[in-house]
Amino acid sequence: MDYKDLANLIFPDVKEISYYEEKYKKRDLPEGAIVTRFAPSPTGFVHLGSLYQVVIARKMAKQTGGVFFLRVEDTDQKREVENGVTGIIESLRDFGLTPDEGMINETEEIGEYGPYKQSLRKDIYQSYAKHLLEQGKAYPCFATPEELDEMRAKQETAKIRPGYYGVWAKYRNLTVEEATQKIENGEPYIIRLKSPGREDRKIKHHDVIKGNVDFPENDQDIVIIKADGLPTYHFAHAVDDHLMGTTHVIRGDEWLSSVPLHLQLFQMLEFKAPKYAHIAPIMKEDDGGKRKLSKRKDPEAAVSYYTEIGVPREAVVEYLLNIANSNFELWRKQNPNASVDEFELQLNKMSVSGALFDIVKILDIAKTVISKYTAESIYEEAINWAKTYDDELFRILQDKEYALKVFGIERGNAKPRKDIAKWSDVKENIEYMYDDEFYGKDRNYEYQKVTDKKLINKIITLYMEKYYNENDDKQTWFEKIKDLAEEVGFAREVKEWKKEPEKWPGHVGDISTVLRVALTSKANTPDMYEIMQVLGKKKIFKRFEQAMK
């Protein structure tokens, strides 16, 4: 008997690897096109760090005329959660990061290189495992859990590096006849790689982000096919990335230590290895130190957090591009209205140390993003968010025509308003424009500099009786407020008051504040003239009378 007989005994019915090599033809893409993927396990929510990888991987594929695909790595089925695939797909869709190929729901997919779910590719992995067995590059291992525990205990006692390798690889050198006899006796087994590596030898590797790195060779005889017939992640990813034409593996740097093993697998399978780019993690300050953004400790680690509080997806993507390449911020300032698709991301310009998470920065970017939206866009985004997360806001926004007027205030100007950073801010920012909400809550009127009640009532009364005209244009309207300021003894111009502050009790801005607070109960609002145009005379006068009470 020889290795081929043993391989046929273990995998009697699988196809030759030539079948798959022919089926999955080389992709017809332009030179330099990057083919990369997001390959999560369906084991829970999508982490912000994973979204970071997706943004980078998809961007590199798009800007080179390549392909970005979603492959679900579900070979560890004990850890899989219900509807885990759907959760991943919806998270990517929520951020406008839909893949070109791969799973589109729990059972369906698009693309010519599937199945894109590893549990459905069992026959493929077994074909390549059989190929390794035929060449004596893999072997069946009959080690029981008890034997492995005993081995680990001995290694710990002797303070020897743990693992299944060298002299510790008990079943590595069984003859074909011995292995065959055990299989025919019904002894359970798994398939291990017969590693040719030695720990005292180094490999040199160039990582696209990290640069040149040295590692000891892999000498561990890792499991490639488990007892259930499914592959381990290490083996499956090598087979899949070869057949799917992956040119670049873009992943978190927790996988950096696996590079020697992965390169060894490609070499033993006689595949061309992809380029590896290991991304530094997103960090968070904690008690004066730094740690990775944590699923357990940090709600903002889940990408669903940004959907729930209503941060626009573009803002999160822009933030991630900003920490990916430091020149993105300058590019955005120079190209304020350009699509992020026009920015050229460069992997070799990425930091090798982890960026510090900054929610304030995300919200600042979000304010700028939302400031460029039309009133119609804000309305659609806000009501869609409110439908799921805020019943009261959803009710408020039912009058679309009026809502569009409210959202249109100070929009489309050279300097548009930046008071909304997320859709959960909307209600607080617009409720004073709705009478039911305005009168339904206790209002605290803080008039800032003007505190005398008689003077406040005089300013409001004079404005209603003498200076208000709903047909005034903005310039005329403001001139009348200056006239009102002068009538009550305040400076017409702020600059006049600044020159001689002792001459007047205040200036026209203080008069505007009295009217603004009386009208809205807020000292800071968007343009008051535009607010008045939306409210109309009847509502304005009712609010002024309420304020004087």
Protein backbone atom coordinates (compact mmCIF):
# COMPACT_ATOMS: atom_id res chain seq x y z
CA MET A 1 0.00 0.00 0.00
CA ASP A 2 1.06 3.60 -0.57
CA TYR A 3 -0.13 7.12 0.25
CA LYS A 4 -2.65 7.06 -2.63
CA ASP A 5 -4.29 3.93 -1.24
CA LEU A 6 -4.57 5.58 2.17
CA ALA A 7 -6.00 8.75 0.60
CA ASN A 8 -8.59 6.70 -1.32
CA LEU A 9 -9.56 4.85 1.85
CA ILE A 10 -10.16 8.11 3.71
CA PHE A 11 -11.76 10.08 0.84
CA PRO A 12 -13.09 7.49 -1.64
CA ASP A 13 -15.66 9.64 -3.42
CA VAL A 14 -14.17 13.15 -3.74
CA LYS A 15 -13.28 14.73 -7.09
CA GLU A 16 -9.75 15.31 -8.31
CA ILE A 17 -8.45 18.81 -7.61
CA SER A 18 -8.16 19.33 -11.40
CA TYR A 19 -11.97 19.55 -11.47
CA TYR A 20 -11.96 22.60 -9.17
CA GLU A 21 -8.92 24.17 -10.81
CA GLU A 22 -10.85 24.07 -14.09
CA LYS A 23 -14.19 25.14 -12.58
CA TYR A 24 -12.83 28.24 -10.82
CA LYS A 25 -11.05 29.94 -13.70
CA LYS A 26 -8.65 32.82 -13.23
CA ARG A 27 -10.53 36.11 -12.99
CA ASP A 28 -10.43 38.32 -16.07
CA LEU A 29 -9.50 41.65 -14.49
CA PRO A 30 -7.28 44.60 -15.39
CA GLU A 31 -3.63 44.46 -14.38
CA GLY A 32 -3.12 45.53 -10.78
CA ALA A 33 -6.74 44.81 -9.83
CA ILE A 34 -7.09 43.79 -6.20
CA VAL A 35 -9.39 40.92 -5.25
CA THR A 36 -10.07 40.81 -1.56
CA ARG A 37 -12.72 39.74 0.88
CA PHE A 38 -14.45 40.06 4.21
CA ALA A 39 -14.55 36.59 5.77
CA PRO A 40 -16.36 36.74 9.11
CA SER A 41 -17.75 33.95 11.25
CA PRO A 42 -21.51 34.29 11.94
CA THR A 43 -20.94 34.37 15.70
CA GLY A 44 -22.44 37.70 16.78
CA PHE A 45 -22.47 41.40 16.02
CA VAL A 46 -20.10 43.10 13.55
CA HIS A 47 -17.30 44.92 15.39
CA LEU A 48 -16.20 48.43 14.36
CA GLY A 49 -12.75 46.94 13.72
CA SER A 50 -14.32 44.53 11.23
CA LEU A 51 -16.12 47.40 9.51
CA TYR A 52 -12.74 49.17 9.35
CA GLN A 53 -11.31 46.16 7.49
CA VAL A 54 -14.31 46.15 5.13
CA VAL A 55 -13.94 49.88 4.33
CA ILE A 56 -10.28 49.36 3.46
CA ALA A 57 -10.72 46.08 1.57
CA ARG A 58 -13.67 47.31 -0.48
CA LYS A 59 -11.97 50.64 -1.24
CA MET A 60 -8.81 48.91 -2.50
CA ALA A 61 -10.87 46.62 -4.73
CA LYS A 62 -13.02 49.45 -6.10
CA GLN A 63 -10.18 51.85 -6.90
CA THR A 64 -8.20 49.18 -8.80
CA GLY A 65 -11.10 47.74 -10.80
CA GLY A 66 -11.05 44.59 -8.69
CA VAL A 67 -13.57 42.58 -6.68
CA PHE A 68 -14.64 42.64 -3.05
CA PHE A 69 -16.54 39.56 -1.88
CA LEU A 70 -18.18 38.28 1.30
CA ARG A 71 -17.26 34.74 2.35
CA VAL A 72 -18.86 33.32 5.48
CA GLU A 73 -16.47 31.18 7.51
CA ASP A 74 -18.91 28.95 9.38
CA THR A 75 -16.87 25.77 9.84
CA ASP A 76 -16.95 26.20 13.64
CA GLN A 77 -20.67 25.52 13.84
CA LYS A 78 -20.79 25.34 17.63
CA ARG A 79 -20.19 29.11 17.82
CA GLU A 80 -22.68 30.08 15.11
CA VAL A 81 -25.64 32.24 16.18
CA GLU A 82 -29.11 32.21 14.65
CA ASN A 83 -29.43 34.58 11.66
CA GLY A 84 -25.73 35.43 12.04
CA VAL A 85 -25.25 35.72 8.28
CA THR A 86 -28.24 38.05 7.94
CA GLY A 87 -26.82 40.25 10.70
CA ILE A 88 -23.50 40.57 8.86
CA ILE A 89 -25.14 41.34 5.51
CA GLU A 90 -27.49 43.94 7.03
CA SER A 91 -24.62 45.63 8.87
CA LEU A 92 -22.66 46.01 5.62
CA ARG A 93 -25.76 47.27 3.79
CA ASP A 94 -26.47 49.80 6.56
CA PHE A 95 -23.10 51.39 5.83
CA GLY A 96 -23.32 51.24 2.04
CA LEU A 97 -20.62 48.56 1.86
CA THR A 98 -22.40 45.89 -0.16
CA PRO A 99 -19.96 43.31 -1.59
CA ASP A 100 -19.69 42.55 -5.32
CA GLU A 101 -20.06 38.80 -4.69
CA GLY A 102 -20.98 36.47 -1.89
CA MET A 103 -23.85 35.77 0.44
CA ILE A 104 -26.90 38.05 0.09
CA ASN A 105 -28.99 36.35 2.81
CA GLU A 106 -28.84 33.16 4.90
CA THR A 107 -29.19 30.88 1.86
CA GLU A 108 -28.67 32.89 -1.36
CA GLU A 109 -25.53 34.25 -2.99
CA ILE A 110 -24.29 36.02 -6.13
CA GLY A 111 -21.05 35.35 -8.01
CA GLU A 112 -19.29 32.62 -9.97
CA TYR A 113 -16.85 31.49 -7.26
CA GLY A 114 -19.24 30.05 -4.70
CA PRO A 115 -20.45 28.52 -2.58
CA TYR A 116 -19.46 31.52 -0.45
CA LYS A 117 -20.33 29.69 2.75
CA GLN A 118 -17.54 27.37 3.90
CA SER A 119 -19.85 24.73 5.34
CA LEU A 120 -21.12 24.16 1.76
CA ARG A 121 -17.59 23.65 0.38
CA LYS A 122 -16.81 20.48 2.36
CA ASP A 123 -16.19 18.38 -0.78
CA ILE A 124 -13.73 20.96 -2.11
CA TYR A 125 -11.63 20.95 1.07
CA GLN A 126 -11.64 17.18 1.18
CA SER A 127 -10.35 17.03 -2.40
CA TYR A 128 -7.36 19.19 -1.49
CA ALA A 129 -6.81 17.30 1.78
CA LYS A 130 -6.79 14.07 -0.24
CA HIS A 131 -4.24 15.65 -2.61
CA LEU A 132 -1.95 16.37 0.37
CA LEU A 133 -2.45 12.84 1.71
CA GLU A 134 -1.51 11.36 -1.67
CA GLN A 135 1.81 13.22 -1.54
CA GLY A 136 2.55 12.30 2.08
CA LYS A 137 2.11 15.96 3.13
CA ALA A 138 -0.74 15.12 5.51
CA TYR A 139 -1.68 12.15 7.65
CA PRO A 140 -4.51 10.73 9.77
CA CYS A 141 -4.00 11.37 13.48
CA PHE A 142 -5.63 9.06 16.01
CA ALA A 143 -4.71 10.99 19.18
CA THR A 144 -7.49 10.81 21.76
CA PRO A 145 -8.42 13.82 23.95
CA GLU A 146 -6.78 11.98 26.86
CA GLU A 147 -3.54 11.53 24.92
CA LEU A 148 -3.49 15.21 23.97
CA ASP A 149 -4.13 16.27 27.59
CA GLU A 150 -1.29 14.02 28.77
CA MET A 151 1.03 15.47 26.13
CA ARG A 152 0.18 19.05 27.15
CA ALA A 153 0.73 18.25 30.82
CA LYS A 154 4.19 16.81 30.07
CA GLN A 155 5.10 19.86 27.97
CA GLU A 156 4.00 22.22 30.76
CA THR A 157 5.92 20.27 33.40
CA ALA A 158 9.07 20.30 31.26
CA LYS A 159 8.43 23.98 30.33
CA ILE A 160 8.55 23.03 26.67
CA ARG A 161 6.71 24.93 23.91
CA PRO A 162 3.20 23.43 23.67
CA GLY A 163 1.78 21.87 20.55
CA TYR A 164 1.68 18.84 18.28
CA TYR A 165 5.05 18.84 16.52
CA GLY A 166 8.30 16.92 16.14
CA VAL A 167 8.75 14.17 18.73
CA TRP A 168 5.38 15.08 20.25
CA ALA A 169 3.57 14.25 17.00
CA LYS A 170 2.82 10.67 18.05
CA TYR A 171 0.99 9.53 14.91
CA ARG A 172 3.05 11.47 12.36
CA ASN A 173 5.24 8.53 11.33
CA LEU A 174 2.76 5.68 11.27
CA THR A 175 3.19 3.48 8.22
CA VAL A 176 0.41 3.42 5.65
CA GLU A 177 -0.40 -0.11 6.79
CA GLU A 178 -0.64 0.91 10.46
CA ALA A 179 -2.89 3.88 9.66
CA THR A 180 -5.06 1.71 7.39
CA GLN A 181 -5.49 -0.90 10.11
CA LYS A 182 -6.61 1.72 12.64
CA ILE A 183 -9.13 3.21 10.19
CA GLU A 184 -10.51 -0.26 9.37
CA ASN A 185 -10.79 -0.94 13.11
CA GLY A 186 -13.08 2.10 13.36
CA GLU A 187 -10.73 4.28 15.41
CA PRO A 188 -11.72 7.96 15.17
CA TYR A 189 -9.21 10.29 13.51
CA ILE A 190 -8.59 13.75 12.11
CA ILE A 191 -6.28 14.87 9.29
CA ARG A 192 -3.13 16.83 10.18
CA LEU A 193 -0.62 18.69 8.02
CA LYS A 194 2.84 17.09 8.08
CA SER A 195 4.77 20.32 8.57
CA PRO A 196 8.26 20.46 7.00
CA GLY A 197 9.12 23.52 9.11
CA ARG A 198 11.68 23.95 11.88
CA GLU A 199 11.34 26.50 14.64
CA ASP A 200 15.07 27.29 14.56
CA ARG A 201 14.76 28.53 10.95
CA LYS A 202 13.41 31.97 10.06
CA ILE A 203 11.20 33.13 7.22
CA LYS A 204 11.32 36.68 5.89
CA HIS A 205 7.99 38.17 4.90
CA HIS A 206 6.91 41.54 3.51
CA ASP A 207 3.59 42.70 4.89
CA VAL A 208 1.95 45.44 2.81
CA ILE A 209 1.26 47.54 5.95
CA LYS A 210 3.79 46.32 8.53
CA GLY A 211 6.73 46.11 6.13
CA ASN A 212 9.45 43.46 6.48
CA VAL A 213 8.95 41.00 9.34
CA ASP A 214 10.81 37.84 10.37
CA PHE A 215 9.17 34.78 11.91
CA PRO A 216 10.26 31.32 13.01
CA GLU A 217 9.02 28.70 10.53
CA ASN A 218 5.85 26.84 11.44
CA ASP A 219 6.62 23.36 12.71
CA GLN A 220 3.20 22.51 14.16
CA ASP A 221 1.27 19.65 12.55
CA ILE A 222 -1.99 21.56 12.57
CA VAL A 223 -5.39 19.94 12.06
CA ILE A 224 -6.65 20.56 8.53
CA ILE A 225 -9.78 18.34 8.54
CA LYS A 226 -11.73 17.87 11.77
CA ALA A 227 -13.57 14.73 12.92
CA ASP A 228 -16.83 16.08 11.39
CA GLY A 229 -15.18 16.24 7.96
CA LEU A 230 -15.10 20.05 7.93
CA PRO A 231 -11.83 21.97 7.61
CA THR A 232 -10.17 24.23 10.14
CA TYR A 233 -10.08 27.95 9.35
CA HIS A 234 -6.38 27.82 8.41
CA PHE A 235 -6.79 25.15 5.74
CA ALA A 236 -10.11 26.42 4.38
CA HIS A 237 -8.89 29.98 3.91
CA ALA A 238 -5.89 28.81 1.86
CA VAL A 239 -8.05 26.70 -0.47
CA ASP A 240 -10.72 29.38 -0.79
CA ASP A 241 -8.37 32.31 -1.38
CA HIS A 242 -6.64 30.30 -4.11
CA LEU A 243 -9.83 29.24 -5.92
CA MET A 244 -11.55 32.62 -5.50
CA GLY A 245 -8.53 34.48 -6.87
CA THR A 246 -7.82 36.54 -3.74
CA THR A 247 -4.81 38.78 -4.38
CA HIS A 248 -4.73 40.56 -0.99
CA VAL A 249 -5.76 39.32 2.45
CA ILE A 250 -6.60 42.44 4.46
CA ARG A 251 -7.22 41.54 8.11
CA GLY A 252 -6.58 42.47 11.73
CA ASP A 253 -3.04 42.21 13.04
CA GLU A 254 -4.08 39.55 15.58
CA TRP A 255 -3.55 37.21 12.58
CA LEU A 256 0.05 38.33 11.99
CA SER A 257 1.47 35.41 13.98
CA SER A 258 -0.40 32.99 11.65
CA VAL A 259 1.55 34.17 8.58
CA PRO A 260 4.24 31.43 8.76
CA LEU A 261 1.56 28.73 8.89
CA HIS A 262 -0.52 30.31 6.12
CA LEU A 263 2.44 30.78 3.81
CA GLN A 264 3.47 27.17 4.50
CA LEU A 265 -0.02 25.94 3.55
CA PHE A 266 0.09 27.83 0.24
CA GLN A 267 3.54 26.42 -0.45
CA MET A 268 2.54 22.82 0.35
CA LEU A 269 -0.62 23.13 -1.75
CA GLU A 270 1.55 24.62 -4.54
CA PHE A 271 -0.58 27.78 -4.71
CA LYS A 272 0.66 31.33 -5.22
CA ALA A 273 0.20 33.06 -1.86
CA PRO A 274 -1.76 36.33 -1.72
CA LYS A 275 -0.22 39.48 -0.29
CA TYR A 276 -1.02 40.04 3.37
CA ALA A 277 -1.91 43.41 4.88
CA HIS A 278 -2.38 43.41 8.65
CA ILE A 279 -4.34 46.34 10.06
CA ALA A 280 -3.57 47.76 13.49
CA PRO A 281 -6.58 47.63 15.87
CA ILE A 282 -8.70 50.58 16.92
CA MET A 283 -7.66 51.50 20.46
CA LYS A 284 -9.40 53.19 23.38
CA GLU A 285 -8.00 55.16 26.31
CA ASP A 286 -8.64 53.43 29.62
CA ASP A 287 -7.29 54.46 33.05
CA GLY A 288 -4.38 56.34 31.54
CA GLY A 289 -3.45 53.45 29.24
CA LYS A 290 -4.66 52.09 25.91
CA ARG A 291 -6.52 48.90 25.04
CA LYS A 292 -8.36 47.49 22.06
CA LEU A 293 -11.95 48.61 21.54
CA SER A 294 -13.80 45.79 23.29
CA LYS A 295 -17.01 43.94 22.41
CA ARG A 296 -17.69 43.38 26.11
CA LYS A 297 -16.86 46.80 27.54
CA ASP A 298 -17.65 49.32 24.80
CA PRO A 299 -21.13 49.73 23.27
CA GLU A 300 -19.54 51.77 20.47
CA ALA A 301 -17.57 48.67 19.39
CA ALA A 302 -20.73 47.27 17.74
CA VAL A 303 -21.54 48.86 14.38
CA SER A 304 -25.24 48.59 15.28
CA TYR A 305 -24.58 51.29 17.91
CA TYR A 306 -24.15 53.92 15.16
CA THR A 307 -27.35 52.83 13.44
CA GLU A 308 -29.25 52.94 16.74
CA ILE A 309 -28.16 56.50 17.64
CA GLY A 310 -28.55 57.57 14.02
CA VAL A 311 -25.05 58.51 12.89
CA PRO A 312 -25.13 58.72 9.07
CA ARG A 313 -23.28 55.85 7.47
CA GLU A 314 -21.12 58.23 5.40
CA ALA A 315 -19.79 59.79 8.61
CA VAL A 316 -18.66 56.44 10.03
CA VAL A 317 -17.03 55.48 6.71
CA GLU A 318 -15.28 58.86 6.47
CA TYR A 319 -14.03 58.52 10.04
CA LEU A 320 -12.58 55.09 9.25
CA LEU A 321 -10.89 56.41 6.10
CA ASN A 322 -9.52 59.26 8.20
CA ILE A 323 -7.78 56.85 10.57
CA ALA A 324 -6.71 54.61 7.66
CA ASN A 325 -4.79 57.35 5.82
CA SER A 326 -3.88 60.56 7.67
CA ASN A 327 -3.99 62.56 4.41
CA PHE A 328 -7.73 61.89 4.03
CA GLU A 329 -8.64 64.86 6.27
CA LEU A 330 -6.67 67.31 4.10
CA TRP A 331 -8.13 65.75 0.94
CA ARG A 332 -11.64 66.21 2.33
CA LYS A 333 -10.96 69.90 3.12
CA GLN A 334 -9.71 70.42 -0.43
CA ASN A 335 -12.59 68.41 -1.92
CA PRO A 336 -15.55 69.15 0.40
CA ASN A 337 -18.21 67.89 -2.00
CA ALA A 338 -16.37 65.01 -3.67
CA SER A 339 -17.39 61.38 -3.25
CA VAL A 340 -15.04 59.32 -1.06
CA ASP A 341 -14.68 57.08 -4.12
CA GLU A 342 -12.40 59.76 -5.55
CA PHE A 343 -9.94 59.49 -2.65
CA GLU A 344 -7.06 57.11 -3.34
CA LEU A 345 -6.38 54.96 -0.31
CA GLN A 346 -2.84 53.60 0.05
CA LEU A 347 -2.19 50.55 2.21
CA ASN A 348 1.50 51.39 2.68
CA LYS A 349 0.51 54.72 4.25
CA MET A 350 -1.48 53.06 7.00
CA SER A 351 -0.19 53.35 10.55
CA VAL A 352 1.45 50.28 12.06
CA SER A 353 0.15 51.28 15.51
CA GLY A 354 -3.52 51.38 16.45
CA ALA A 355 -5.52 54.59 16.02
CA LEU A 356 -7.26 55.97 19.11
CA PHE A 357 -11.06 55.78 18.94
CA ASP A 358 -12.65 59.25 18.98
CA ILE A 359 -16.45 59.54 19.16
CA VAL A 360 -16.19 63.35 19.20
CA LYS A 361 -14.42 63.21 15.83
CA ILE A 362 -17.10 60.89 14.42
CA LEU A 363 -19.85 63.31 15.50
CA ASP A 364 -17.96 66.32 14.09
CA ILE A 365 -17.68 64.55 10.75
CA ALA A 366 -21.38 63.64 11.00
CA LYS A 367 -22.35 67.30 11.52
CA THR A 368 -20.50 68.25 8.34
CA VAL A 369 -22.00 65.34 6.41
CA ILE A 370 -25.57 66.19 7.49
CA SER A 371 -25.02 69.90 6.80
CA LYS A 372 -24.68 69.01 3.09
CA TYR A 373 -27.99 67.10 2.98
CA THR A 374 -31.07 68.60 1.38
CA ALA A 375 -34.15 69.13 3.56
CA GLU A 376 -35.77 66.20 1.71
CA SER A 377 -32.81 63.90 2.50
CA ILE A 378 -32.83 64.86 6.17
CA TYR A 379 -36.57 64.27 6.37
CA GLU A 380 -36.29 60.80 4.79
CA GLU A 381 -33.35 59.76 6.96
CA ALA A 382 -34.89 61.13 10.16
CA ILE A 383 -38.34 59.58 9.67
CA ASN A 384 -36.86 56.22 8.64
CA TRP A 385 -34.70 56.22 11.77
CA ALA A 386 -37.60 57.37 13.97
CA LYS A 387 -39.87 54.61 12.65
CA THR A 388 -37.64 52.11 14.50
CA TYR A 389 -36.14 54.10 17.35
CA ASP A 390 -38.33 57.10 18.34
CA ASP A 391 -42.15 56.95 18.19
CA GLU A 392 -42.55 60.57 19.29
CA LEU A 393 -40.30 61.93 16.54
CA PHE A 394 -42.06 59.69 14.02
CA ARG A 395 -45.39 61.23 15.04
CA ILE A 396 -44.00 64.79 14.88
CA LEU A 397 -42.77 64.25 11.32
CA GLN A 398 -46.07 63.08 9.89
CA ASP A 399 -46.74 66.52 8.33
CA LYS A 400 -44.07 66.25 5.66
CA GLU A 401 -44.76 69.63 4.04
CA TYR A 402 -44.23 71.49 7.32
CA ALA A 403 -41.24 69.30 8.28
CA LEU A 404 -39.52 70.15 5.00
CA LYS A 405 -39.89 73.85 5.82
CA VAL A 406 -38.38 73.25 9.26
CA PHE A 407 -35.48 71.24 7.86
CA GLY A 408 -35.01 73.82 5.10
CA ILE A 409 -34.05 76.53 7.60
CA GLU A 410 -30.43 77.58 6.93
CA ARG A 411 -29.91 74.77 4.47
CA GLY A 412 -28.19 75.12 1.11
CA ASN A 413 -26.31 78.25 2.22
CA ALA A 414 -22.58 78.85 1.90
CA LYS A 415 -22.39 78.13 5.64
CA PRO A 416 -25.19 75.64 6.37
CA ARG A 417 -26.27 74.87 9.93
CA LYS A 418 -24.32 72.15 11.79
CA ASP A 419 -26.57 71.46 14.76
CA ILE A 420 -27.41 67.83 13.96
CA ALA A 421 -24.77 65.11 14.39
CA LYS A 422 -27.12 62.12 14.48
CA TRP A 423 -30.79 61.42 13.90
CA SER A 424 -31.34 61.08 17.65
CA ASP A 425 -30.50 64.83 17.87
CA VAL A 426 -33.32 65.82 15.54
CA LYS A 427 -36.21 65.91 18.01
CA GLU A 428 -34.37 68.16 20.45
CA ASN A 429 -33.37 70.47 17.59
CA ILE A 430 -36.80 70.90 16.00
CA GLU A 431 -39.45 70.31 18.69
CA TYR A 432 -39.75 74.04 19.48
CA MET A 433 -41.02 74.52 15.92
CA TYR A 434 -44.12 72.44 16.76
CA ASP A 435 -46.78 74.04 18.97
CA ASP A 436 -47.90 70.80 20.63
CA GLU A 437 -44.36 70.13 21.80
CA PHE A 438 -43.59 73.79 22.53
CA TYR A 439 -46.60 74.33 24.82
CA GLY A 440 -46.60 70.77 26.13
CA LYS A 441 -43.44 71.27 28.17
CA ASP A 442 -42.37 73.71 30.84
CA ARG A 443 -40.22 76.38 29.22
CA ASN A 444 -37.33 78.09 30.92
CA TYR A 445 -36.79 81.53 29.35
CA GLU A 446 -33.14 82.56 29.85
CA TYR A 447 -32.82 85.99 28.19
CA GLN A 448 -29.06 86.18 28.70
CA LYS A 449 -27.94 89.81 29.15
CA VAL A 450 -31.36 91.46 29.44
CA THR A 451 -32.86 90.43 32.78
CA ASP A 452 -35.33 93.23 33.62
CA LYS A 453 -38.84 91.86 33.11
CA LYS A 454 -40.36 95.22 32.24
CA LEU A 455 -37.72 95.82 29.59
CA ILE A 456 -38.21 92.33 28.18
CA ASN A 457 -41.97 92.90 27.90
CA LYS A 458 -41.40 96.34 26.38
CA ILE A 459 -39.07 94.90 23.70
CA ILE A 460 -41.57 92.18 22.79
CA THR A 461 -44.56 94.53 22.81
CA LEU A 462 -42.82 97.16 20.67
CA TYR A 463 -41.76 94.51 18.20
CA MET A 464 -45.29 93.16 17.81
CA GLU A 465 -46.98 96.58 17.65
CA LYS A 466 -44.46 98.55 15.61
CA TYR A 467 -41.75 96.53 13.94
CA TYR A 468 -43.15 93.17 12.84
CA ASN A 469 -44.26 92.78 9.22
CA GLU A 470 -44.48 89.25 7.82
CA ASN A 471 -43.78 90.53 4.30
CA ASP A 472 -40.40 92.09 5.13
CA ASP A 473 -37.34 90.69 3.40
CA LYS A 474 -34.42 89.71 5.61
CA GLN A 475 -32.52 92.99 5.27
CA THR A 476 -35.59 95.08 6.13
CA TRP A 477 -36.41 92.74 9.03
CA PHE A 478 -32.96 93.17 10.55
CA GLU A 479 -32.96 96.95 10.07
CA LYS A 480 -36.18 97.07 12.08
CA ILE A 481 -34.57 95.10 14.92
CA LYS A 482 -31.78 97.70 14.89
CA ASP A 483 -34.43 100.43 15.06
CA LEU A 484 -36.01 98.63 18.02
CA ALA A 485 -32.63 98.38 19.73
CA GLU A 486 -32.08 102.09 19.30
CA GLU A 487 -35.58 102.89 20.61
CA VAL A 488 -34.95 101.06 23.89
CA GLY A 489 -31.51 102.65 24.28
CA PHE A 490 -29.26 99.86 22.97
CA ALA A 491 -26.51 100.18 20.32
CA ARG A 492 -27.66 99.58 16.73
CA GLU A 493 -24.37 97.81 15.89
CA VAL A 494 -22.27 95.36 17.90
CA LYS A 495 -19.08 97.10 16.78
CA GLU A 496 -20.37 100.45 18.09
CA TRP A 497 -21.02 98.92 21.51
CA LYS A 498 -17.57 97.30 21.54
CA LYS A 499 -15.93 100.70 20.98
CA GLU A 500 -17.85 102.37 23.83
CA PRO A 501 -19.49 99.68 25.99
CA GLU A 502 -20.11 102.20 28.79
CA LYS A 503 -22.40 104.21 26.50
CA TRP A 504 -25.15 101.56 26.13
CA PRO A 505 -26.56 98.76 28.32
CA GLY A 506 -26.17 96.39 25.35
CA HIS A 507 -26.41 96.04 21.58
CA VAL A 508 -28.72 94.82 18.82
CA GLY A 509 -27.61 91.18 19.41
CA ASP A 510 -29.03 91.34 22.95
CA ILE A 511 -32.36 92.54 21.56
CA SER A 512 -32.34 89.69 19.01
CA THR A 513 -31.69 87.25 21.87
CA VAL A 514 -34.75 88.50 23.78
CA LEU A 515 -36.92 87.92 20.71
CA ARG A 516 -35.28 84.55 19.96
CA VAL A 517 -35.75 83.23 23.50
CA ALA A 518 -39.34 84.51 23.66
CA LEU A 519 -40.06 82.78 20.36
CA THR A 520 -38.27 79.46 20.90
CA SER A 521 -37.19 79.35 24.60
CA LYS A 522 -33.64 78.79 23.26
CA ALA A 523 -30.75 81.26 23.11
CA ASN A 524 -29.09 79.36 20.25
CA THR A 525 -31.11 78.46 17.17
CA PRO A 526 -30.67 78.64 13.41
CA ASP A 527 -31.52 81.88 11.62
CA MET A 528 -34.38 83.65 13.44
CA TYR A 529 -35.74 85.33 10.31
CA GLU A 530 -36.16 81.92 8.64
CA ILE A 531 -37.76 80.49 11.80
CA MET A 532 -40.31 83.33 11.76
CA GLN A 533 -41.04 82.75 8.07
CA VAL A 534 -41.91 79.12 8.85
CA LEU A 535 -43.95 79.82 12.01
CA GLY A 536 -46.04 82.70 10.61
CA LYS A 537 -47.60 85.68 12.38
CA LYS A 538 -50.31 83.89 14.34
CA LYS A 539 -47.90 81.44 16.00
CA ILE A 540 -45.26 84.12 16.56
CA PHE A 541 -47.64 86.47 18.40
CA LYS A 542 -49.09 83.64 20.49
CA ARG A 543 -45.59 82.68 21.61
CA PHE A 544 -44.63 86.27 22.41
CA GLU A 545 -47.76 86.64 24.55
CA GLN A 546 -46.94 83.36 26.31
CA ALA A 547 -43.41 84.61 27.02
CA MET A 548 -44.68 87.88 28.54
CA LYS A 549 -46.89 85.96 30.97
